């Protein structure tokens, strides 16, 4: 019997934040619902060992609810020959989970903006000072990925999981982070990506 390789990103993790667990669980359950899948491993691993799932979720602090507003699965980009043949730009070139989830999020946000004038329950409110739409005050947007992005988007792991550390609250920290400096290459804060035309 042949065993399926499991990438490090899909191996079981020690959780230290119940809110992060809720985000992961809601994302995976929504994926299973929309794909009519019934198999799910209780260890919070993804449905398929090599699948990457990304989702954007809205958290409403009024009722502590989570709503998955977009999903994406995938790990590939279009082959060079397809991109070169696509003069009209109709091919989805990047099919990584995060990219597809972001595209779906944009579509969702545009639809929510269209709802606003009707007063039909948009997630947005109009900010008179800036003349822009903003999320309602009780809403926050969160990204879930079952695996960290690959390539130059990968962040260096700064901490190791520790089962003795537990965060009691449902809230996440709201701290400002120091500015990332271009000189911080050795700490893994910056990656430069240079591409040449074909």
C-alpha atoms as a PDB file:
ATOM      1  CA  UNK A   1       0.000   0.000   0.000  1.00  0.00           C
ATOM      2  CA  UNK A   2       1.383   3.373  -1.038  1.00  0.00           C
ATOM      3  CA  UNK A   3       1.334   6.152   1.556  1.00  0.00           C
ATOM      4  CA  UNK A   4       0.530   9.723   0.595  1.00  0.00           C
ATOM      5  CA  UNK A   5       3.235  12.197   1.466  1.00  0.00           C
ATOM      6  CA  UNK A   6       2.171  14.945   3.840  1.00  0.00           C
ATOM      7  CA  UNK A   7       3.939  18.257   3.540  1.00  0.00           C
ATOM      8  CA  UNK A   8       5.137  19.891   6.731  1.00  0.00           C
ATOM      9  CA  UNK A   9       2.385  22.506   6.379  1.00  0.00           C
ATOM     10  CA  UNK A  10      -0.357  19.867   6.663  1.00  0.00           C
ATOM     11  CA  UNK A  11       1.044  18.038   9.671  1.00  0.00           C
ATOM     12  CA  UNK A  12      -0.830  18.249  12.938  1.00  0.00           C
ATOM     13  CA  UNK A  13      -0.158  21.425  14.887  1.00  0.00           C
ATOM     14  CA  UNK A  14      -0.340  22.381  18.525  1.00  0.00           C
ATOM     15  CA  UNK A  15      -2.968  25.073  18.801  1.00  0.00           C
ATOM     16  CA  UNK A  16      -2.615  27.990  21.174  1.00  0.00           C
ATOM     17  CA  UNK A  17      -5.549  30.174  20.143  1.00  0.00           C
ATOM     18  CA  UNK A  18      -9.195  29.146  20.210  1.00  0.00           C
ATOM     19  CA  UNK A  19     -10.143  31.924  17.760  1.00  0.00           C
ATOM     20  CA  UNK A  20      -7.632  30.564  15.218  1.00  0.00           C
ATOM     21  CA  UNK A  21      -9.161  27.107  15.711  1.00  0.00           C
ATOM     22  CA  UNK A  22     -12.624  28.527  15.035  1.00  0.00           C
ATOM     23  CA  UNK A  23     -11.406  30.258  11.860  1.00  0.00           C
ATOM     24  CA  UNK A  24      -9.794  27.032  10.612  1.00  0.00           C
ATOM     25  CA  UNK A  25     -12.818  24.905  11.504  1.00  0.00           C
ATOM     26  CA  UNK A  26     -15.281  27.307   9.835  1.00  0.00           C
ATOM     27  CA  UNK A  27     -13.147  27.437   6.685  1.00  0.00           C
ATOM     28  CA  UNK A  28     -12.798  23.667   6.401  1.00  0.00           C
ATOM     29  CA  UNK A  29     -16.474  23.047   7.168  1.00  0.00           C
ATOM     30  CA  UNK A  30     -17.545  25.542   4.490  1.00  0.00           C
ATOM     31  CA  UNK A  31     -15.233  23.857   1.979  1.00  0.00           C
ATOM     32  CA  UNK A  32     -16.758  20.485   2.840  1.00  0.00           C
ATOM     33  CA  UNK A  33     -20.266  21.932   2.552  1.00  0.00           C
ATOM     34  CA  UNK A  34     -19.809  23.510  -0.881  1.00  0.00           C
ATOM     35  CA  UNK A  35     -17.996  20.477  -2.278  1.00  0.00           C
ATOM     36  CA  UNK A  36     -20.381  17.948  -0.666  1.00  0.00           C
ATOM     37  CA  UNK A  37     -17.472  16.214   1.033  1.00  0.00           C
ATOM     38  CA  UNK A  38     -18.147  14.304   4.229  1.00  0.00           C
ATOM     39  CA  UNK A  39     -14.672  13.129   5.230  1.00  0.00           C
ATOM     40  CA  UNK A  40     -12.810  15.327   7.695  1.00  0.00           C
ATOM     41  CA  UNK A  41     -10.016  14.413  10.052  1.00  0.00           C
ATOM     42  CA  UNK A  42     -10.478  15.680  13.586  1.00  0.00           C
ATOM     43  CA  UNK A  43      -6.796  16.601  13.864  1.00  0.00           C
ATOM     44  CA  UNK A  44      -7.465  19.805  11.824  1.00  0.00           C
ATOM     45  CA  UNK A  45      -5.562  18.422   8.839  1.00  0.00           C
ATOM     46  CA  UNK A  46      -6.900  19.291   5.440  1.00  0.00           C
ATOM     47  CA  UNK A  47      -9.189  16.904   3.584  1.00  0.00           C
ATOM     48  CA  UNK A  48      -6.471  15.811   1.186  1.00  0.00           C
ATOM     49  CA  UNK A  49      -2.869  15.708   2.328  1.00  0.00           C
ATOM     50  CA  UNK A  50      -1.606  17.748  -0.637  1.00  0.00           C
ATOM     51  CA  UNK A  51      -4.511  20.220  -0.908  1.00  0.00           C
ATOM     52  CA  UNK A  52      -4.110  23.868   0.043  1.00  0.00           C
ATOM     53  CA  UNK A  53      -7.243  25.701   1.169  1.00  0.00           C
ATOM     54  CA  UNK A  54      -7.524  29.471   1.643  1.00  0.00           C
ATOM     55  CA  UNK A  55     -10.550  31.389   2.867  1.00  0.00           C
ATOM     56  CA  UNK A  56     -11.536  34.905   3.851  1.00  0.00           C
ATOM     57  CA  UNK A  57     -13.925  35.208   6.773  1.00  0.00           C
ATOM     58  CA  UNK A  58     -15.840  38.027   8.415  1.00  0.00           C
ATOM     59  CA  UNK A  59     -16.032  38.071  12.205  1.00  0.00           C
ATOM     60  CA  UNK A  60     -18.924  40.033  13.718  1.00  0.00           C
ATOM     61  CA  UNK A  61     -18.183  41.072  17.294  1.00  0.00           C
ATOM     62  CA  UNK A  62     -21.897  41.742  17.953  1.00  0.00           C
ATOM     63  CA  UNK A  63     -22.752  38.043  18.015  1.00  0.00           C
ATOM     64  CA  UNK A  64     -19.245  36.516  17.797  1.00  0.00           C
ATOM     65  CA  UNK A  65     -20.135  34.899  14.461  1.00  0.00           C
ATOM     66  CA  UNK A  66     -17.834  33.883  11.629  1.00  0.00           C
ATOM     67  CA  UNK A  67     -18.931  33.955   7.994  1.00  0.00           C
ATOM     68  CA  UNK A  68     -16.806  32.442   5.229  1.00  0.00           C
ATOM     69  CA  UNK A  69     -17.149  34.872   2.309  1.00  0.00           C
ATOM     70  CA  UNK A  70     -14.677  33.306  -0.137  1.00  0.00           C
ATOM     71  CA  UNK A  71     -12.745  30.083  -0.678  1.00  0.00           C
ATOM     72  CA  UNK A  72      -9.987  28.903  -2.967  1.00  0.00           C
ATOM     73  CA  UNK A  73      -8.004  25.704  -3.424  1.00  0.00           C
ATOM     74  CA  UNK A  74      -4.995  25.191  -5.612  1.00  0.00           C
ATOM     75  CA  UNK A  75      -1.214  25.172  -5.904  1.00  0.00           C
ATOM     76  CA  UNK A  76      -0.479  25.775  -9.575  1.00  0.00           C
ATOM     77  CA  UNK A  77       0.072  28.480 -12.155  1.00  0.00           C
ATOM     78  CA  UNK A  78      -0.753  28.314 -15.856  1.00  0.00           C
ATOM     79  CA  UNK A  79       1.966  26.854 -18.030  1.00  0.00           C
ATOM     80  CA  UNK A  80       4.020  29.365 -19.994  1.00  0.00           C
ATOM     81  CA  UNK A  81       2.695  28.154 -23.358  1.00  0.00           C
ATOM     82  CA  UNK A  82      -0.925  28.822 -22.291  1.00  0.00           C
ATOM     83  CA  UNK A  83      -0.048  32.302 -21.072  1.00  0.00           C
ATOM     84  CA  UNK A  84       1.746  33.159 -24.315  1.00  0.00           C
ATOM     85  CA  UNK A  85      -1.222  31.920 -26.395  1.00  0.00           C
ATOM     86  CA  UNK A  86      -3.699  33.964 -24.340  1.00  0.00           C
ATOM     87  CA  UNK A  87      -3.686  37.302 -26.176  1.00  0.00           C
ATOM     88  CA  UNK A  88      -7.024  38.425 -24.643  1.00  0.00           C
ATOM     89  CA  UNK A  89      -5.974  37.718 -21.061  1.00  0.00           C
ATOM     90  CA  UNK A  90      -8.773  35.222 -20.357  1.00  0.00           C
ATOM     91  CA  UNK A  91      -6.656  32.534 -18.707  1.00  0.00           C
ATOM     92  CA  UNK A  92      -6.464  32.572 -14.919  1.00  0.00           C
ATOM     93  CA  UNK A  93      -2.699  32.512 -14.653  1.00  0.00           C
ATOM     94  CA  UNK A  94      -2.254  31.998 -10.928  1.00  0.00           C
ATOM     95  CA  UNK A  95      -4.382  29.268  -9.367  1.00  0.00           C
ATOM     96  CA  UNK A  96      -2.849  29.240  -5.914  1.00  0.00           C
ATOM     97  CA  UNK A  97      -5.457  28.971  -3.151  1.00  0.00           C
ATOM     98  CA  UNK A  98      -4.738  32.443  -1.732  1.00  0.00           C
ATOM     99  CA  UNK A  99      -5.023  34.093  -5.139  1.00  0.00           C
ATOM    100  CA  UNK A 100      -8.320  32.378  -5.956  1.00  0.00           C
ATOM    101  CA  UNK A 101      -9.746  33.210  -2.521  1.00  0.00           C
ATOM    102  CA  UNK A 102      -8.709  36.850  -3.006  1.00  0.00           C
ATOM    103  CA  UNK A 103     -10.391  36.986  -6.417  1.00  0.00           C
ATOM    104  CA  UNK A 104     -13.584  35.581  -4.893  1.00  0.00           C
ATOM    105  CA  UNK A 105     -13.301  38.083  -2.022  1.00  0.00           C
ATOM    106  CA  UNK A 106     -13.093  40.974  -4.477  1.00  0.00           C
ATOM    107  CA  UNK A 107     -16.244  39.758  -6.211  1.00  0.00           C
ATOM    108  CA  UNK A 108     -18.015  39.468  -2.846  1.00  0.00           C
ATOM    109  CA  UNK A 109     -16.941  42.984  -1.826  1.00  0.00           C
ATOM    110  CA  UNK A 110     -18.148  44.488  -5.116  1.00  0.00           C
ATOM    111  CA  UNK A 111     -21.546  42.842  -4.606  1.00  0.00           C
ATOM    112  CA  UNK A 112     -21.722  44.201  -1.067  1.00  0.00           C
ATOM    113  CA  UNK A 113     -20.978  47.719  -2.337  1.00  0.00           C
ATOM    114  CA  UNK A 114     -23.783  47.317  -4.880  1.00  0.00           C
ATOM    115  CA  UNK A 115     -26.168  46.357  -2.049  1.00  0.00           C
ATOM    116  CA  UNK A 116     -25.414  49.510  -0.057  1.00  0.00           C
ATOM    117  CA  UNK A 117     -27.696  52.017  -1.844  1.00  0.00           C
ATOM    118  CA  UNK A 118     -30.679  49.650  -1.453  1.00  0.00           C
ATOM    119  CA  UNK A 119     -30.140  49.393   2.284  1.00  0.00           C
ATOM    120  CA  UNK A 120     -30.322  45.617   1.927  1.00  0.00           C
ATOM    121  CA  UNK A 121     -27.861  44.668   4.640  1.00  0.00           C
ATOM    122  CA  UNK A 122     -24.450  45.485   3.202  1.00  0.00           C
ATOM    123  CA  UNK A 123     -21.343  44.833   5.275  1.00  0.00           C
ATOM    124  CA  UNK A 124     -20.275  48.387   4.432  1.00  0.00           C
ATOM    125  CA  UNK A 125     -21.146  51.824   5.692  1.00  0.00           C
ATOM    126  CA  UNK A 126     -20.274  55.066   3.991  1.00  0.00           C
ATOM    127  CA  UNK A 127     -17.613  57.182   5.692  1.00  0.00           C
ATOM    128  CA  UNK A 128     -18.535  60.817   5.013  1.00  0.00           C
ATOM    129  CA  UNK A 129     -15.142  62.294   5.904  1.00  0.00           C
ATOM    130  CA  UNK A 130     -13.149  60.128   3.489  1.00  0.00           C
ATOM    131  CA  UNK A 131     -16.017  59.609   1.002  1.00  0.00           C
ATOM    132  CA  UNK A 132     -15.283  55.880   1.037  1.00  0.00           C
ATOM    133  CA  UNK A 133     -16.973  52.681   2.025  1.00  0.00           C
ATOM    134  CA  UNK A 134     -15.647  51.061   5.205  1.00  0.00           C
ATOM    135  CA  UNK A 135     -16.525  47.825   6.975  1.00  0.00           C
ATOM    136  CA  UNK A 136     -19.158  48.205   9.665  1.00  0.00           C
ATOM    137  CA  UNK A 137     -17.490  48.806  13.031  1.00  0.00           C
ATOM    138  CA  UNK A 138     -18.367  45.358  14.392  1.00  0.00           C
ATOM    139  CA  UNK A 139     -16.750  43.498  11.467  1.00  0.00           C
ATOM    140  CA  UNK A 140     -13.186  42.322  10.958  1.00  0.00           C
ATOM    141  CA  UNK A 141     -11.772  40.407   7.992  1.00  0.00           C
ATOM    142  CA  UNK A 142      -9.553  37.342   8.465  1.00  0.00           C
ATOM    143  CA  UNK A 143      -7.536  35.110   6.138  1.00  0.00           C
ATOM    144  CA  UNK A 144      -7.153  31.370   6.683  1.00  0.00           C
ATOM    145  CA  UNK A 145      -4.642  29.259   4.782  1.00  0.00           C
ATOM    146  CA  UNK A 146      -4.016  25.584   5.431  1.00  0.00           C
ATOM    147  CA  UNK A 147      -0.431  26.047   4.278  1.00  0.00           C
ATOM    148  CA  UNK A 148       1.848  29.032   4.188  1.00  0.00           C
ATOM    149  CA  UNK A 149       2.346  30.520   0.731  1.00  0.00           C
ATOM    150  CA  UNK A 150       5.179  29.023  -1.279  1.00  0.00           C
ATOM    151  CA  UNK A 151       8.233  30.611  -2.838  1.00  0.00           C
ATOM    152  CA  UNK A 152       9.107  34.201  -2.052  1.00  0.00           C
ATOM    153  CA  UNK A 153       5.826  34.716  -0.198  1.00  0.00           C
ATOM    154  CA  UNK A 154       6.935  32.271   2.504  1.00  0.00           C
ATOM    155  CA  UNK A 155       7.657  33.830   5.857  1.00  0.00           C
ATOM    156  CA  UNK A 156      10.403  32.532   8.075  1.00  0.00           C
ATOM    157  CA  UNK A 157       9.040  30.720  11.100  1.00  0.00           C
ATOM    158  CA  UNK A 158       9.722  32.915  14.126  1.00  0.00           C
ATOM    159  CA  UNK A 159       8.299  30.677  16.840  1.00  0.00           C
ATOM    160  CA  UNK A 160       7.838  27.010  17.499  1.00  0.00           C
ATOM    161  CA  UNK A 161       4.490  25.626  18.749  1.00  0.00           C
ATOM    162  CA  UNK A 162       4.419  25.047  22.469  1.00  0.00           C
ATOM    163  CA  UNK A 163       1.555  23.110  24.032  1.00  0.00           C
ATOM    164  CA  UNK A 164       2.200  24.684  27.449  1.00  0.00           C
ATOM    165  CA  UNK A 165       1.227  28.140  26.147  1.00  0.00           C
ATOM    166  CA  UNK A 166      -2.520  28.800  26.033  1.00  0.00           C
ATOM    167  CA  UNK A 167      -4.363  31.966  25.099  1.00  0.00           C
ATOM    168  CA  UNK A 168      -7.512  32.077  27.185  1.00  0.00           C
ATOM    169  CA  UNK A 169      -9.485  34.744  25.362  1.00  0.00           C
ATOM    170  CA  UNK A 170     -11.235  34.722  22.031  1.00  0.00           C
ATOM    171  CA  UNK A 171      -9.660  38.032  21.102  1.00  0.00           C
ATOM    172  CA  UNK A 172      -6.550  38.466  19.044  1.00  0.00           C
ATOM    173  CA  UNK A 173      -3.909  41.054  19.756  1.00  0.00           C
ATOM    174  CA  UNK A 174      -4.272  44.424  18.103  1.00  0.00           C
ATOM    175  CA  UNK A 175      -0.662  45.591  18.391  1.00  0.00           C
ATOM    176  CA  UNK A 176       1.140  47.703  15.856  1.00  0.00           C
ATOM    177  CA  UNK A 177       4.183  46.039  14.383  1.00  0.00           C
ATOM    178  CA  UNK A 178       7.475  47.794  13.750  1.00  0.00           C
ATOM    179  CA  UNK A 179       8.127  48.993  10.249  1.00  0.00           C
ATOM    180  CA  UNK A 180       9.826  46.390   8.055  1.00  0.00           C
ATOM    181  CA  UNK A 181      13.130  47.640   6.759  1.00  0.00           C
ATOM    182  CA  UNK A 182      14.687  46.523   3.491  1.00  0.00           C
ATOM    183  CA  UNK A 183      17.950  45.889   5.367  1.00  0.00           C
ATOM    184  CA  UNK A 184      16.283  43.106   7.407  1.00  0.00           C
ATOM    185  CA  UNK A 185      17.015  40.374   4.861  1.00  0.00           C
ATOM    186  CA  UNK A 186      18.797  38.086   7.294  1.00  0.00           C
ATOM    187  CA  UNK A 187      15.779  38.029   9.621  1.00  0.00           C
ATOM    188  CA  UNK A 188      13.568  36.856   6.768  1.00  0.00           C
ATOM    189  CA  UNK A 189      11.421  39.989   6.713  1.00  0.00           C
ATOM    190  CA  UNK A 190      12.079  40.854   3.083  1.00  0.00           C
ATOM    191  CA  UNK A 191      12.284  38.817  -0.097  1.00  0.00           C
ATOM    192  CA  UNK A 192      13.006  40.398  -3.444  1.00  0.00           C
ATOM    193  CA  UNK A 193      11.385  38.846  -6.487  1.00  0.00           C
ATOM    194  CA  UNK A 194      12.802  39.726  -9.881  1.00  0.00           C
ATOM    195  CA  UNK A 195      11.250  38.377 -13.068  1.00  0.00           C
ATOM    196  CA  UNK A 196      12.278  38.874 -16.663  1.00  0.00           C
ATOM    197  CA  UNK A 197       9.941  39.129 -19.618  1.00  0.00           C
ATOM    198  CA  UNK A 198       9.658  35.839 -21.577  1.00  0.00           C
END
